[in-house]
Amino acid sequence: YAGWRILRSMIDARQRECEQAAKALLEELFPASL
């Protein structure tokens, strides 16, 4: 089912964007931890 595959790829991409945003936020909040 092509639609499901596209939906999964969109969800995976959104999760990666959220993870990158969370990491950037943590780096701004806790620069000393790096």
Protein backbone atom coordinates (compact mmCIF):
# COMPACT_ATOMS: atom_id res chain seq x y z
CA TYR A 1 0.00 0.00 0.00
CA ALA A 2 1.85 3.06 -1.30
CA GLY A 3 -0.09 5.58 0.79
CA TRP A 4 0.90 3.85 4.03
CA ARG A 5 4.56 3.83 2.98
CA ILE A 6 4.44 7.56 2.23
CA LEU A 7 2.70 8.23 5.54
CA ARG A 8 5.36 6.28 7.41
CA SER A 9 8.16 8.18 5.67
CA MET A 10 6.49 11.48 6.56
CA ILE A 11 6.15 10.44 10.20
CA ASP A 12 9.79 9.31 10.34
CA ALA A 13 10.95 12.62 8.85
CA ARG A 14 8.81 14.56 11.35
CA GLN A 15 10.25 12.56 14.25
CA ARG A 16 13.81 13.28 13.07
CA GLU A 17 13.00 16.99 12.84
CA CYS A 18 11.59 16.91 16.38
CA GLU A 19 14.68 15.10 17.66
CA GLN A 20 16.99 17.64 16.02
CA ALA A 21 14.95 20.51 17.48
CA ALA A 22 15.06 18.91 20.93
CA LYS A 23 18.83 18.41 20.71
CA ALA A 24 19.31 22.03 19.63
CA LEU A 25 17.15 23.21 22.53
CA LEU A 26 19.11 21.07 24.99
CA GLU A 27 22.38 22.45 23.63
CA GLU A 28 21.10 25.99 24.18
CA LEU A 29 19.88 25.18 27.70
CA PHE A 30 22.87 23.10 28.77
CA PRO A 31 25.95 24.19 26.78
CA ALA A 32 28.26 23.05 29.60
CA SER A 33 27.11 19.43 29.23
CA LEU A 34 28.80 19.24 25.82
